[in-house]
Amino acid sequence: MTKDDIFDRIVQILNQTFDIEPSRITRESRLGEDLDIDSIDAVDLIVQLKPLVGKRLQPEAFKSVRTVQDVVDALYGLVHETPAA
């Protein structure tokens, strides 16, 4: 899964779940300030992103997330991390 795939899925989720127009969503969009995603909405977003990763998402992985690109990078890292031996 590429970062573009992850971005496209995030755009779909934001549009379907929060009724955010896809044209408003860019990689630089700030979740809170630009897209009005509050902490409760962020939890909903994480729940919907879980199937992309195929494992439980730890909230700590998203503590420093501020933009859509931050979400893409965090998910990409989780998808491609090497399991601990």
PDB file of N, CA and C in Angstrom:
ATOM      1  N   MET A   1       0.841  -1.180   0.000  1.00  0.00           N
ATOM      2  CA  MET A   1       0.000   0.000   0.000  1.00  0.00           C
ATOM      3  C   MET A   1       0.885   1.242   0.000  1.00  0.00           C
ATOM      4  N   THR A   2       0.593   2.129  -0.926  1.00  0.00           N
ATOM      5  CA  THR A   2       1.401   3.342  -1.050  1.00  0.00           C
ATOM      6  C   THR A   2       0.797   4.481  -0.222  1.00  0.00           C
ATOM      7  N   LYS A   3       1.565   5.542  -0.074  1.00  0.00           N
ATOM      8  CA  LYS A   3       1.054   6.716   0.636  1.00  0.00           C
ATOM      9  C   LYS A   3      -0.115   7.333  -0.123  1.00  0.00           C
ATOM     10  N   ASP A   4      -0.083   7.245  -1.448  1.00  0.00           N
ATOM     11  CA  ASP A   4      -1.216   7.757  -2.236  1.00  0.00           C
ATOM     12  C   ASP A   4      -2.478   6.951  -1.964  1.00  0.00           C
ATOM     13  N   ASP A   5      -2.347   5.628  -1.848  1.00  0.00           N
ATOM     14  CA  ASP A   5      -3.498   4.770  -1.525  1.00  0.00           C
ATOM     15  C   ASP A   5      -4.085   5.175  -0.174  1.00  0.00           C
ATOM     16  N   ILE A   6      -3.213   5.389   0.799  1.00  0.00           N
ATOM     17  CA  ILE A   6      -3.660   5.752   2.141  1.00  0.00           C
ATOM     18  C   ILE A   6      -4.353   7.118   2.105  1.00  0.00           C
ATOM     19  N   PHE A   7      -3.764   8.069   1.399  1.00  0.00           N
ATOM     20  CA  PHE A   7      -4.366   9.400   1.291  1.00  0.00           C
ATOM     21  C   PHE A   7      -5.760   9.305   0.666  1.00  0.00           C
ATOM     22  N   ASP A   8      -5.885   8.543  -0.414  1.00  0.00           N
ATOM     23  CA  ASP A   8      -7.179   8.401  -1.090  1.00  0.00           C
ATOM     24  C   ASP A   8      -8.224   7.817  -0.154  1.00  0.00           C
ATOM     25  N   ARG A   9      -7.821   6.848   0.657  1.00  0.00           N
ATOM     26  CA  ARG A   9      -8.766   6.233   1.595  1.00  0.00           C
ATOM     27  C   ARG A   9      -9.166   7.225   2.695  1.00  0.00           C
ATOM     28  N   ILE A  10      -8.221   8.010   3.169  1.00  0.00           N
ATOM     29  CA  ILE A  10      -8.529   9.024   4.179  1.00  0.00           C
ATOM     30  C   ILE A  10      -9.536  10.033   3.617  1.00  0.00           C
ATOM     31  N   VAL A  11      -9.329  10.449   2.374  1.00  0.00           N
ATOM     32  CA  VAL A  11     -10.262  11.390   1.738  1.00  0.00           C
ATOM     33  C   VAL A  11     -11.661  10.777   1.684  1.00  0.00           C
ATOM     34  N   GLN A  12     -11.753   9.498   1.304  1.00  0.00           N
ATOM     35  CA  GLN A  12     -13.054   8.809   1.255  1.00  0.00           C
ATOM     36  C   GLN A  12     -13.724   8.800   2.620  1.00  0.00           C
ATOM     37  N   ILE A  13     -12.975   8.448   3.641  1.00  0.00           N
ATOM     38  CA  ILE A  13     -13.525   8.362   4.999  1.00  0.00           C
ATOM     39  C   ILE A  13     -13.976   9.739   5.478  1.00  0.00           C
ATOM     40  N   LEU A  14     -13.151  10.760   5.272  1.00  0.00           N
ATOM     41  CA  LEU A  14     -13.518  12.106   5.705  1.00  0.00           C
ATOM     42  C   LEU A  14     -14.773  12.590   4.986  1.00  0.00           C
ATOM     43  N   ASN A  15     -14.899  12.235   3.721  1.00  0.00           N
ATOM     44  CA  ASN A  15     -16.073  12.637   2.953  1.00  0.00           C
ATOM     45  C   ASN A  15     -17.321  11.880   3.418  1.00  0.00           C
ATOM     46  N   GLN A  16     -17.217  10.567   3.543  1.00  0.00           N
ATOM     47  CA  GLN A  16     -18.380   9.748   3.892  1.00  0.00           C
ATOM     48  C   GLN A  16     -18.801   9.914   5.341  1.00  0.00           C
ATOM     49  N   THR A  17     -17.858  10.008   6.239  1.00  0.00           N
ATOM     50  CA  THR A  17     -18.165  10.041   7.665  1.00  0.00           C
ATOM     51  C   THR A  17     -18.452  11.441   8.182  1.00  0.00           C
ATOM     52  N   PHE A  18     -17.693  12.418   7.707  1.00  0.00           N
ATOM     53  CA  PHE A  18     -17.802  13.768   8.253  1.00  0.00           C
ATOM     54  C   PHE A  18     -18.356  14.773   7.251  1.00  0.00           C
ATOM     55  N   ASP A  19     -18.737  14.274   6.060  1.00  0.00           N
ATOM     56  CA  ASP A  19     -19.343  15.114   5.024  1.00  0.00           C
ATOM     57  C   ASP A  19     -18.445  16.287   4.645  1.00  0.00           C
ATOM     58  N   ILE A  20     -17.138  16.008   4.578  1.00  0.00           N
ATOM     59  CA  ILE A  20     -16.169  17.030   4.169  1.00  0.00           C
ATOM     60  C   ILE A  20     -15.952  16.886   2.667  1.00  0.00           C
ATOM     61  N   GLU A  21     -16.121  17.969   1.974  1.00  0.00           N
ATOM     62  CA  GLU A  21     -15.958  17.968   0.522  1.00  0.00           C
ATOM     63  C   GLU A  21     -14.517  17.574   0.162  1.00  0.00           C
ATOM     64  N   PRO A  22     -14.352  16.565  -0.718  1.00  0.00           N
ATOM     65  CA  PRO A  22     -12.988  16.126  -1.071  1.00  0.00           C
ATOM     66  C   PRO A  22     -12.084  17.248  -1.563  1.00  0.00           C
ATOM     67  N   SER A  23     -12.647  18.253  -2.209  1.00  0.00           N
ATOM     68  CA  SER A  23     -11.827  19.366  -2.711  1.00  0.00           C
ATOM     69  C   SER A  23     -11.192  20.171  -1.574  1.00  0.00           C
ATOM     70  N   ARG A  24     -11.737  20.068  -0.357  1.00  0.00           N
ATOM     71  CA  ARG A  24     -11.175  20.771   0.811  1.00  0.00           C
ATOM     72  C   ARG A  24     -10.015  20.004   1.438  1.00  0.00           C
ATOM     73  N   ILE A  25      -9.855  18.737   1.056  1.00  0.00           N
ATOM     74  CA  ILE A  25      -8.886  17.870   1.724  1.00  0.00           C
ATOM     75  C   ILE A  25      -7.601  17.790   0.907  1.00  0.00           C
ATOM     76  N   THR A  26      -6.537  18.337   1.486  1.00  0.00           N
ATOM     77  CA  THR A  26      -5.216  18.222   0.872  1.00  0.00           C
ATOM     78  C   THR A  26      -4.286  17.583   1.896  1.00  0.00           C
ATOM     79  N   ARG A  27      -3.125  17.226   1.467  1.00  0.00           N
ATOM     80  CA  ARG A  27      -2.159  16.631   2.400  1.00  0.00           C
ATOM     81  C   ARG A  27      -1.765  17.630   3.485  1.00  0.00           C
ATOM     82  N   GLU A  28      -1.829  18.920   3.158  1.00  0.00           N
ATOM     83  CA  GLU A  28      -1.439  19.957   4.112  1.00  0.00           C
ATOM     84  C   GLU A  28      -2.595  20.377   5.028  1.00  0.00           C
ATOM     85  N   SER A  29      -3.806  19.892   4.747  1.00  0.00           N
ATOM     86  CA  SER A  29      -4.969  20.265   5.563  1.00  0.00           C
ATOM     87  C   SER A  29      -4.732  19.895   7.016  1.00  0.00           C
ATOM     88  N   ARG A  30      -4.969  20.874   7.894  1.00  0.00           N
ATOM     89  CA  ARG A  30      -4.856  20.609   9.333  1.00  0.00           C
ATOM     90  C   ARG A  30      -6.194  20.035   9.798  1.00  0.00           C
ATOM     91  N   LEU A  31      -6.123  18.950  10.531  1.00  0.00           N
ATOM     92  CA  LEU A  31      -7.334  18.248  10.929  1.00  0.00           C
ATOM     93  C   LEU A  31      -8.272  19.147  11.724  1.00  0.00           C
ATOM     94  N   GLY A  32      -7.761  19.826  12.728  1.00  0.00           N
ATOM     95  CA  GLY A  32      -8.607  20.660  13.570  1.00  0.00           C
ATOM     96  C   GLY A  32      -8.999  21.966  12.914  1.00  0.00           C
ATOM     97  N   GLU A  33      -8.004  22.738  12.523  1.00  0.00           N
ATOM     98  CA  GLU A  33      -8.245  24.093  12.038  1.00  0.00           C
ATOM     99  C   GLU A  33      -8.935  24.131  10.675  1.00  0.00           C
ATOM    100  N   ASP A  34      -8.520  23.257   9.747  1.00  0.00           N
ATOM    101  CA  ASP A  34      -9.049  23.316   8.383  1.00  0.00           C
ATOM    102  C   ASP A  34     -10.261  22.412   8.163  1.00  0.00           C
ATOM    103  N   LEU A  35     -10.284  21.265   8.828  1.00  0.00           N
ATOM    104  CA  LEU A  35     -11.332  20.276   8.561  1.00  0.00           C
ATOM    105  C   LEU A  35     -12.312  20.100   9.714  1.00  0.00           C
ATOM    106  N   ASP A  36     -12.121  20.836  10.790  1.00  0.00           N
ATOM    107  CA  ASP A  36     -13.010  20.765  11.961  1.00  0.00           C
ATOM    108  C   ASP A  36     -13.124  19.361  12.546  1.00  0.00           C
ATOM    109  N   ILE A  37     -12.021  18.625  12.542  1.00  0.00           N
ATOM    110  CA  ILE A  37     -11.976  17.294  13.159  1.00  0.00           C
ATOM    111  C   ILE A  37     -11.535  17.491  14.609  1.00  0.00           C
ATOM    112  N   ASP A  38     -12.434  17.209  15.551  1.00  0.00           N
ATOM    113  CA  ASP A  38     -12.062  17.326  16.960  1.00  0.00           C
ATOM    114  C   ASP A  38     -11.577  15.973  17.478  1.00  0.00           C
ATOM    115  N   SER A  39     -11.276  15.900  18.757  1.00  0.00           N
ATOM    116  CA  SER A  39     -10.691  14.665  19.298  1.00  0.00           C
ATOM    117  C   SER A  39     -11.651  13.480  19.197  1.00  0.00           C
ATOM    118  N   ILE A  40     -12.938  13.715  19.343  1.00  0.00           N
ATOM    119  CA  ILE A  40     -13.925  12.631  19.215  1.00  0.00           C
ATOM    120  C   ILE A  40     -13.959  12.140  17.769  1.00  0.00           C
ATOM    121  N   ASP A  41     -13.970  13.086  16.827  1.00  0.00           N
ATOM    122  CA  ASP A  41     -13.954  12.719  15.407  1.00  0.00           C
ATOM    123  C   ASP A  41     -12.684  11.967  15.057  1.00  0.00           C
ATOM    124  N   ALA A  42     -11.576  12.373  15.662  1.00  0.00           N
ATOM    125  CA  ALA A  42     -10.295  11.716  15.392  1.00  0.00           C
ATOM    126  C   ALA A  42     -10.344  10.250  15.801  1.00  0.00           C
ATOM    127  N   VAL A  43     -11.017   9.955  16.912  1.00  0.00           N
ATOM    128  CA  VAL A  43     -11.156   8.563  17.348  1.00  0.00           C
ATOM    129  C   VAL A  43     -11.969   7.784  16.312  1.00  0.00           C
ATOM    130  N   ASP A  44     -13.047   8.381  15.822  1.00  0.00           N
ATOM    131  CA  ASP A  44     -13.845   7.730  14.773  1.00  0.00           C
ATOM    132  C   ASP A  44     -12.996   7.471  13.530  1.00  0.00           C
ATOM    133  N   LEU A  45     -12.185   8.435  13.181  1.00  0.00           N
ATOM    134  CA  LEU A  45     -11.314   8.288  12.011  1.00  0.00           C
ATOM    135  C   LEU A  45     -10.348   7.130  12.212  1.00  0.00           C
ATOM    136  N   ILE A  46      -9.735   7.045  13.384  1.00  0.00           N
ATOM    137  CA  ILE A  46      -8.784   5.965  13.677  1.00  0.00           C
ATOM    138  C   ILE A  46      -9.475   4.605  13.600  1.00  0.00           C
ATOM    139  N   VAL A  47     -10.693   4.518  14.142  1.00  0.00           N
ATOM    140  CA  VAL A  47     -11.446   3.256  14.091  1.00  0.00           C
ATOM    141  C   VAL A  47     -11.666   2.837  12.636  1.00  0.00           C
ATOM    142  N   GLN A  48     -11.989   3.784  11.789  1.00  0.00           N
ATOM    143  CA  GLN A  48     -12.244   3.456  10.386  1.00  0.00           C
ATOM    144  C   GLN A  48     -10.963   3.153   9.613  1.00  0.00           C
ATOM    145  N   LEU A  49      -9.845   3.630  10.091  1.00  0.00           N
ATOM    146  CA  LEU A  49      -8.574   3.370   9.410  1.00  0.00           C
ATOM    147  C   LEU A  49      -7.978   2.020   9.809  1.00  0.00           C
ATOM    148  N   LYS A  50      -8.451   1.461  10.903  1.00  0.00           N
ATOM    149  CA  LYS A  50      -7.906   0.199  11.418  1.00  0.00           C
ATOM    150  C   LYS A  50      -7.837  -0.905  10.359  1.00  0.00           C
ATOM    151  N   PRO A  51      -8.887  -1.111   9.532  1.00  0.00           N
ATOM    152  CA  PRO A  51      -8.792  -2.176   8.524  1.00  0.00           C
ATOM    153  C   PRO A  51      -7.646  -1.998   7.533  1.00  0.00           C
ATOM    154  N   LEU A  52      -7.224  -0.766   7.305  1.00  0.00           N
ATOM    155  CA  LEU A  52      -6.095  -0.528   6.397  1.00  0.00           C
ATOM    156  C   LEU A  52      -4.817  -1.153   6.937  1.00  0.00           C
ATOM    157  N   VAL A  53      -4.670  -1.076   8.247  1.00  0.00           N
ATOM    158  CA  VAL A  53      -3.443  -1.544   8.887  1.00  0.00           C
ATOM    159  C   VAL A  53      -3.548  -3.024   9.233  1.00  0.00           C
ATOM    160  N   GLY A  54      -4.756  -3.478   9.535  1.00  0.00           N
ATOM    161  CA  GLY A  54      -4.958  -4.882   9.856  1.00  0.00           C
ATOM    162  C   GLY A  54      -4.572  -5.247  11.271  1.00  0.00           C
ATOM    163  N   LYS A  55      -4.400  -4.239  12.110  1.00  0.00           N
ATOM    164  CA  LYS A  55      -4.088  -4.500  13.514  1.00  0.00           C
ATOM    165  C   LYS A  55      -4.583  -3.330  14.337  1.00  0.00           C
ATOM    166  N   ARG A  56      -4.544  -3.513  15.625  1.00  0.00           N
ATOM    167  CA  ARG A  56      -5.023  -2.465  16.532  1.00  0.00           C
ATOM    168  C   ARG A  56      -4.121  -1.242  16.425  1.00  0.00           C
ATOM    169  N   LEU A  57      -4.752  -0.092  16.341  1.00  0.00           N
ATOM    170  CA  LEU A  57      -3.994   1.153  16.270  1.00  0.00           C
ATOM    171  C   LEU A  57      -3.840   1.728  17.668  1.00  0.00           C
ATOM    172  N   GLN A  58      -2.625   2.049  18.014  1.00  0.00           N
ATOM    173  CA  GLN A  58      -2.350   2.634  19.322  1.00  0.00           C
ATOM    174  C   GLN A  58      -2.533   4.150  19.235  1.00  0.00           C
ATOM    175  N   PRO A  59      -3.322   4.721  20.131  1.00  0.00           N
ATOM    176  CA  PRO A  59      -3.528   6.179  20.092  1.00  0.00           C
ATOM    177  C   PRO A  59      -2.225   6.964  20.150  1.00  0.00           C
ATOM    178  N   GLU A  60      -1.209   6.407  20.797  1.00  0.00           N
ATOM    179  CA  GLU A  60       0.078   7.115  20.902  1.00  0.00           C
ATOM    180  C   GLU A  60       0.663   7.412  19.524  1.00  0.00           C
ATOM    181  N   ALA A  61       0.391   6.536  18.562  1.00  0.00           N
ATOM    182  CA  ALA A  61       0.929   6.725  17.214  1.00  0.00           C
ATOM    183  C   ALA A  61       0.354   7.973  16.557  1.00  0.00           C
ATOM    184  N   PHE A  62      -0.752   8.475  17.097  1.00  0.00           N
ATOM    185  CA  PHE A  62      -1.426   9.609  16.486  1.00  0.00           C
ATOM    186  C   PHE A  62      -1.383  10.876  17.340  1.00  0.00           C
ATOM    187  N   LYS A  63      -0.629  10.844  18.433  1.00  0.00           N
ATOM    188  CA  LYS A  63      -0.558  11.994  19.338  1.00  0.00           C
ATOM    189  C   LYS A  63      -0.022  13.252  18.649  1.00  0.00           C
ATOM    190  N   SER A  64       0.958  13.074  17.773  1.00  0.00           N
ATOM    191  CA  SER A  64       1.584  14.242  17.143  1.00  0.00           C
ATOM    192  C   SER A  64       0.983  14.568  15.775  1.00  0.00           C
ATOM    193  N   VAL A  65      -0.086  13.887  15.415  1.00  0.00           N
ATOM    194  CA  VAL A  65      -0.717  14.097  14.111  1.00  0.00           C
ATOM    195  C   VAL A  65      -1.456  15.430  14.102  1.00  0.00           C
ATOM    196  N   ARG A  66      -1.144  16.257  13.128  1.00  0.00           N
ATOM    197  CA  ARG A  66      -1.811  17.548  12.992  1.00  0.00           C
ATOM    198  C   ARG A  66      -2.435  17.734  11.605  1.00  0.00           C
ATOM    199  N   THR A  67      -1.790  17.153  10.578  1.00  0.00           N
ATOM    200  CA  THR A  67      -2.273  17.318   9.201  1.00  0.00           C
ATOM    201  C   THR A  67      -2.657  15.964   8.608  1.00  0.00           C
ATOM    202  N   VAL A  68      -3.321  16.029   7.466  1.00  0.00           N
ATOM    203  CA  VAL A  68      -3.674  14.794   6.759  1.00  0.00           C
ATOM    204  C   VAL A  68      -2.398  14.022   6.416  1.00  0.00           C
ATOM    205  N   GLN A  69      -1.344  14.734   6.006  1.00  0.00           N
ATOM    206  CA  GLN A  69      -0.084  14.048   5.682  1.00  0.00           C
ATOM    207  C   GLN A  69       0.497  13.345   6.898  1.00  0.00           C
ATOM    208  N   ASP A  70       0.338  13.919   8.079  1.00  0.00           N
ATOM    209  CA  ASP A  70       0.798  13.257   9.303  1.00  0.00           C
ATOM    210  C   ASP A  70       0.081  11.922   9.487  1.00  0.00           C
ATOM    211  N   VAL A  71      -1.222  11.889   9.196  1.00  0.00           N
ATOM    212  CA  VAL A  71      -1.992  10.644   9.302  1.00  0.00           C
ATOM    213  C   VAL A  71      -1.469   9.636   8.286  1.00  0.00           C
ATOM    214  N   VAL A  72      -1.257  10.088   7.054  1.00  0.00           N
ATOM    215  CA  VAL A  72      -0.725   9.217   6.001  1.00  0.00           C
ATOM    216  C   VAL A  72       0.605   8.618   6.444  1.00  0.00           C
ATOM    217  N   ASP A  73       1.505   9.452   6.943  1.00  0.00           N
ATOM    218  CA  ASP A  73       2.835   8.985   7.351  1.00  0.00           C
ATOM    219  C   ASP A  73       2.743   7.992   8.507  1.00  0.00           C
ATOM    220  N   ALA A  74       1.877   8.288   9.487  1.00  0.00           N
ATOM    221  CA  ALA A  74       1.728   7.387  10.638  1.00  0.00           C
ATOM    222  C   ALA A  74       1.197   6.033  10.198  1.00  0.00           C
ATOM    223  N   LEU A  75       0.182   6.030   9.340  1.00  0.00           N
ATOM    224  CA  LEU A  75      -0.386   4.764   8.870  1.00  0.00           C
ATOM    225  C   LEU A  75       0.603   4.004   8.003  1.00  0.00           C
ATOM    226  N   TYR A  76       1.301   4.726   7.132  1.00  0.00           N
ATOM    227  CA  TYR A  76       2.284   4.081   6.266  1.00  0.00           C
ATOM    228  C   TYR A  76       3.347   3.388   7.114  1.00  0.00           C
ATOM    229  N   GLY A  77       3.793   4.058   8.162  1.00  0.00           N
ATOM    230  CA  GLY A  77       4.780   3.460   9.057  1.00  0.00           C
ATOM    231  C   GLY A  77       4.239   2.208   9.742  1.00  0.00           C
ATOM    232  N   LEU A  78       2.971   2.249  10.142  1.00  0.00           N
ATOM    233  CA  LEU A  78       2.372   1.088  10.800  1.00  0.00           C
ATOM    234  C   LEU A  78       2.190  -0.076   9.823  1.00  0.00           C
ATOM    235  N   VAL A  79       1.778   0.236   8.603  1.00  0.00           N
ATOM    236  CA  VAL A  79       1.560  -0.807   7.587  1.00  0.00           C
ATOM    237  C   VAL A  79       2.875  -1.509   7.253  1.00  0.00           C
ATOM    238  N   HIS A  80       3.951  -0.734   7.200  1.00  0.00           N
ATOM    239  CA  HIS A  80       5.229  -1.264   6.734  1.00  0.00           C
ATOM    240  C   HIS A  80       6.229  -1.578   7.833  1.00  0.00           C
ATOM    241  N   GLU A  81       5.789  -1.502   9.101  1.00  0.00           N
ATOM    242  CA  GLU A  81       6.736  -1.805  10.169  1.00  0.00           C
ATOM    243  C   GLU A  81       7.003  -3.297  10.215  1.00  0.00           C
ATOM    244  N   THR A  82       8.202  -3.611  10.610  1.00  0.00           N
ATOM    245  CA  THR A  82       8.607  -5.007  10.722  1.00  0.00           C
ATOM    246  C   THR A  82       8.141  -5.538  12.073  1.00  0.00           C
ATOM    247  N   PRO A  83       7.445  -6.683  12.070  1.00  0.00           N
ATOM    248  CA  PRO A  83       7.019  -7.232  13.351  1.00  0.00           C
ATOM    249  C   PRO A  83       8.212  -7.542  14.260  1.00  0.00           C
ATOM    250  N   ALA A  84       8.042  -7.326  15.538  1.00  0.00           N
ATOM    251  CA  ALA A  84       9.112  -7.612  16.490  1.00  0.00           C
ATOM    252  C   ALA A  84       9.350  -9.113  16.547  1.00  0.00           C
ATOM    253  N   ALA A  85      10.598  -9.473  16.623  1.00  0.00           N
ATOM    254  CA  ALA A  85      10.957 -10.909  16.620  1.00  0.00           C
ATOM    255  C   ALA A  85      10.727 -11.538  17.964  1.00  0.00           C
TER     256      ALA A  85
END
